[in-house]
Structures are given as structure tokens and as C-alpha cells.
Amino acid sequence: MTFDVHAVRHRLKLKTDAGHSSLFENRGDVACPACDDPFAEVFITEKPAHSFQPTGSMRFCVVREAGRTMVFTHD
């Protein structure tokens, strides 16, 4: 199963877009493909390596697909 961001785009808000990576806020209770719980944000990158610093001690899920990696954060 793949995560089709375009199918749920109307329920997400684009926060940043750097061409090779994007950050979306979940505004419509879209389910995380890893755990099925609604996620807070999803970071999508096509780069093979990326560094980021999550805030606090949030829970996150990582999903790898062909050509991209996604990090879903949960409140």
C-alpha cells in the first residue's frame, strides 16, 4: 500500500516545500499508513538522507516507499 498524498491533499496543509522534500499538516484526520492513527504532520523527502529535529518527545512513524521516505508525527 502506498500513501497517495494527492488523494488526501484537500485534507492537508502544505507548510514547506523545498522541491525534494515537503512538510504537510494534517487538517482532516488522515490516517497514518504505519499505525492507522491520525497523524499531526508528515515530512516527505526524496533525498536518501535527511536530518531533522523533532520537538519534545513526540511519537513518530517512518514509512519507506520506492523513491521516498515519509515521517509521520503524532501528538
N, C-alpha and C. Protein backbone atom coordinates (compact mmCIF):
# COMPACT_ATOMS: atom_id res chain seq x y z
N MET A 1 0.84 -1.18 0.00
CA MET A 1 0.00 0.00 0.00
C MET A 1 0.89 1.25 0.00
N THR A 2 0.57 2.20 -0.83
CA THR A 2 1.32 3.45 -0.86
C THR A 2 0.47 4.57 -0.30
N PHE A 3 1.13 5.60 0.18
CA PHE A 3 0.45 6.78 0.71
C PHE A 3 0.31 7.77 -0.45
N ASP A 4 -0.91 7.99 -0.90
CA ASP A 4 -1.18 8.89 -2.03
C ASP A 4 -1.50 10.28 -1.50
N VAL A 5 -0.48 11.12 -1.40
CA VAL A 5 -0.67 12.47 -0.86
C VAL A 5 -1.63 13.27 -1.72
N HIS A 6 -1.68 13.02 -3.00
CA HIS A 6 -2.58 13.76 -3.89
C HIS A 6 -4.04 13.41 -3.63
N ALA A 7 -4.32 12.19 -3.22
CA ALA A 7 -5.69 11.77 -2.94
C ALA A 7 -6.25 12.43 -1.68
N VAL A 8 -5.36 12.79 -0.74
CA VAL A 8 -5.81 13.41 0.51
C VAL A 8 -5.35 14.86 0.63
N ARG A 9 -4.85 15.42 -0.46
CA ARG A 9 -4.29 16.79 -0.46
C ARG A 9 -5.28 17.82 0.06
N HIS A 10 -6.56 17.65 -0.20
CA HIS A 10 -7.57 18.60 0.26
C HIS A 10 -7.74 18.58 1.79
N ARG A 11 -7.18 17.58 2.44
CA ARG A 11 -7.25 17.47 3.90
C ARG A 11 -5.93 17.81 4.58
N LEU A 12 -4.94 18.20 3.78
CA LEU A 12 -3.62 18.56 4.28
C LEU A 12 -3.31 20.01 3.96
N LYS A 13 -2.47 20.64 4.79
CA LYS A 13 -1.99 21.99 4.50
C LYS A 13 -0.48 21.92 4.28
N LEU A 14 -0.03 22.41 3.13
CA LEU A 14 1.38 22.46 2.83
C LEU A 14 2.05 23.53 3.69
N LYS A 15 3.04 23.12 4.48
CA LYS A 15 3.75 24.07 5.34
C LYS A 15 5.06 24.51 4.72
N THR A 16 5.81 23.58 4.12
CA THR A 16 7.06 23.91 3.42
C THR A 16 7.22 22.98 2.23
N ASP A 17 7.89 23.50 1.20
CA ASP A 17 8.20 22.71 0.02
C ASP A 17 9.55 23.15 -0.51
N ALA A 18 10.52 22.24 -0.47
CA ALA A 18 11.87 22.53 -0.92
C ALA A 18 12.19 21.81 -2.23
N GLY A 19 11.17 21.33 -2.92
CA GLY A 19 11.39 20.59 -4.16
C GLY A 19 11.64 19.12 -3.92
N HIS A 20 12.66 18.79 -3.15
CA HIS A 20 12.99 17.40 -2.84
C HIS A 20 12.34 16.93 -1.55
N SER A 21 11.75 17.85 -0.78
CA SER A 21 11.09 17.48 0.47
C SER A 21 9.94 18.45 0.74
N SER A 22 8.93 17.94 1.45
CA SER A 22 7.74 18.73 1.77
C SER A 22 7.28 18.39 3.18
N LEU A 23 6.62 19.35 3.81
CA LEU A 23 6.03 19.15 5.13
C LEU A 23 4.56 19.55 5.04
N PHE A 24 3.68 18.63 5.44
CA PHE A 24 2.24 18.86 5.42
C PHE A 24 1.66 18.73 6.82
N GLU A 25 0.70 19.57 7.14
CA GLU A 25 -0.07 19.47 8.38
C GLU A 25 -1.36 18.74 8.07
N ASN A 26 -1.75 17.83 8.93
CA ASN A 26 -2.98 17.06 8.76
C ASN A 26 -4.14 17.86 9.34
N ARG A 27 -5.06 18.26 8.50
CA ARG A 27 -6.23 19.03 8.95
C ARG A 27 -7.52 18.24 8.79
N GLY A 28 -7.42 16.97 8.50
CA GLY A 28 -8.64 16.21 8.25
C GLY A 28 -8.62 14.80 8.79
N ASP A 29 -7.87 14.54 9.84
CA ASP A 29 -7.80 13.22 10.46
C ASP A 29 -7.43 12.11 9.48
N VAL A 30 -6.48 12.40 8.57
CA VAL A 30 -5.97 11.38 7.66
C VAL A 30 -5.18 10.36 8.49
N ALA A 31 -5.39 9.10 8.21
CA ALA A 31 -4.74 8.03 8.97
C ALA A 31 -3.30 7.82 8.52
N CYS A 32 -2.43 7.56 9.48
CA CYS A 32 -1.04 7.20 9.22
C CYS A 32 -1.01 5.80 8.61
N PRO A 33 -0.28 5.59 7.51
CA PRO A 33 -0.24 4.26 6.90
C PRO A 33 0.52 3.22 7.73
N ALA A 34 1.28 3.66 8.72
CA ALA A 34 2.04 2.72 9.56
C ALA A 34 1.22 2.20 10.74
N CYS A 35 0.43 3.10 11.37
CA CYS A 35 -0.28 2.70 12.59
C CYS A 35 -1.79 2.91 12.54
N ASP A 36 -2.28 3.54 11.48
CA ASP A 36 -3.72 3.82 11.27
C ASP A 36 -4.29 4.89 12.20
N ASP A 37 -3.48 5.50 13.06
CA ASP A 37 -3.95 6.63 13.87
C ASP A 37 -3.80 7.91 13.05
N PRO A 38 -4.65 8.91 13.28
CA PRO A 38 -4.44 10.19 12.60
C PRO A 38 -3.08 10.77 12.99
N PHE A 39 -2.39 11.36 12.02
CA PHE A 39 -1.08 11.95 12.29
C PHE A 39 -1.21 13.47 12.38
N ALA A 40 -0.22 14.13 12.97
CA ALA A 40 -0.21 15.59 13.08
C ALA A 40 0.40 16.21 11.83
N GLU A 41 1.59 15.73 11.45
CA GLU A 41 2.30 16.23 10.27
C GLU A 41 2.97 15.06 9.56
N VAL A 42 3.24 15.26 8.28
CA VAL A 42 4.03 14.28 7.53
C VAL A 42 5.13 15.03 6.79
N PHE A 43 6.35 14.54 6.95
CA PHE A 43 7.51 15.05 6.24
C PHE A 43 7.86 14.03 5.17
N ILE A 44 7.88 14.47 3.91
CA ILE A 44 8.15 13.58 2.78
C ILE A 44 9.42 14.05 2.10
N THR A 45 10.38 13.14 1.91
CA THR A 45 11.62 13.51 1.25
C THR A 45 12.02 12.46 0.22
N GLU A 46 12.58 12.94 -0.88
CA GLU A 46 13.12 12.07 -1.92
C GLU A 46 14.62 11.89 -1.76
N LYS A 47 15.22 12.66 -0.84
CA LYS A 47 16.66 12.55 -0.61
C LYS A 47 16.97 11.24 0.11
N PRO A 48 18.12 10.63 -0.16
CA PRO A 48 18.47 9.38 0.52
C PRO A 48 18.78 9.57 2.00
N ALA A 49 19.16 10.78 2.40
CA ALA A 49 19.44 11.07 3.81
C ALA A 49 18.95 12.47 4.12
N HIS A 50 18.36 12.62 5.29
CA HIS A 50 17.85 13.92 5.69
C HIS A 50 17.90 14.01 7.21
N SER A 51 18.25 15.15 7.73
CA SER A 51 18.33 15.34 9.18
C SER A 51 17.24 16.32 9.61
N PHE A 52 16.58 16.00 10.70
CA PHE A 52 15.57 16.90 11.25
C PHE A 52 15.54 16.68 12.75
N GLN A 53 14.99 17.65 13.45
CA GLN A 53 14.92 17.56 14.90
C GLN A 53 13.46 17.67 15.34
N PRO A 54 12.88 16.56 15.80
CA PRO A 54 11.51 16.63 16.29
C PRO A 54 11.46 17.41 17.60
N THR A 55 10.33 18.01 17.86
CA THR A 55 10.17 18.76 19.10
C THR A 55 9.66 17.85 20.20
N GLY A 56 10.16 18.05 21.41
CA GLY A 56 9.71 17.28 22.56
C GLY A 56 9.97 15.79 22.41
N SER A 57 9.06 15.01 22.96
CA SER A 57 9.19 13.55 22.90
C SER A 57 8.03 12.96 22.13
N MET A 58 7.78 13.49 20.96
CA MET A 58 6.64 13.04 20.17
C MET A 58 6.86 11.64 19.62
N ARG A 59 5.75 10.98 19.34
CA ARG A 59 5.79 9.67 18.70
C ARG A 59 5.83 9.90 17.19
N PHE A 60 6.58 9.10 16.47
CA PHE A 60 6.59 9.22 15.01
C PHE A 60 6.68 7.85 14.37
N CYS A 61 6.19 7.77 13.13
CA CYS A 61 6.24 6.56 12.32
C CYS A 61 7.02 6.87 11.06
N VAL A 62 7.76 5.90 10.56
CA VAL A 62 8.54 6.06 9.34
C VAL A 62 8.05 5.05 8.31
N VAL A 63 7.79 5.53 7.10
CA VAL A 63 7.35 4.68 6.01
C VAL A 63 8.28 4.91 4.82
N ARG A 64 8.85 3.82 4.30
CA ARG A 64 9.72 3.91 3.12
C ARG A 64 8.98 3.34 1.92
N GLU A 65 9.00 4.09 0.84
CA GLU A 65 8.45 3.63 -0.43
C GLU A 65 9.53 3.83 -1.47
N ALA A 66 9.33 3.31 -2.65
CA ALA A 66 10.29 3.47 -3.73
C ALA A 66 10.47 4.95 -4.04
N GLY A 67 11.68 5.44 -3.82
CA GLY A 67 11.99 6.82 -4.17
C GLY A 67 11.69 7.86 -3.12
N ARG A 68 11.10 7.48 -1.99
CA ARG A 68 10.82 8.50 -0.96
C ARG A 68 10.68 7.86 0.42
N THR A 69 10.93 8.68 1.42
CA THR A 69 10.74 8.30 2.83
C THR A 69 9.80 9.29 3.45
N MET A 70 8.90 8.82 4.33
CA MET A 70 7.94 9.68 4.99
C MET A 70 8.03 9.49 6.50
N VAL A 71 7.99 10.61 7.22
CA VAL A 71 7.99 10.59 8.68
C VAL A 71 6.67 11.21 9.12
N PHE A 72 5.86 10.44 9.81
CA PHE A 72 4.56 10.90 10.32
C PHE A 72 4.70 11.17 11.81
N THR A 73 4.39 12.39 12.25
CA THR A 73 4.44 12.71 13.67
C THR A 73 3.05 12.62 14.27
N HIS A 74 3.01 12.28 15.55
CA HIS A 74 1.75 12.14 16.28
C HIS A 74 1.82 12.99 17.54
N ASP A 75 0.71 13.64 17.87
CA ASP A 75 0.64 14.45 19.10
C ASP A 75 0.63 13.59 20.32
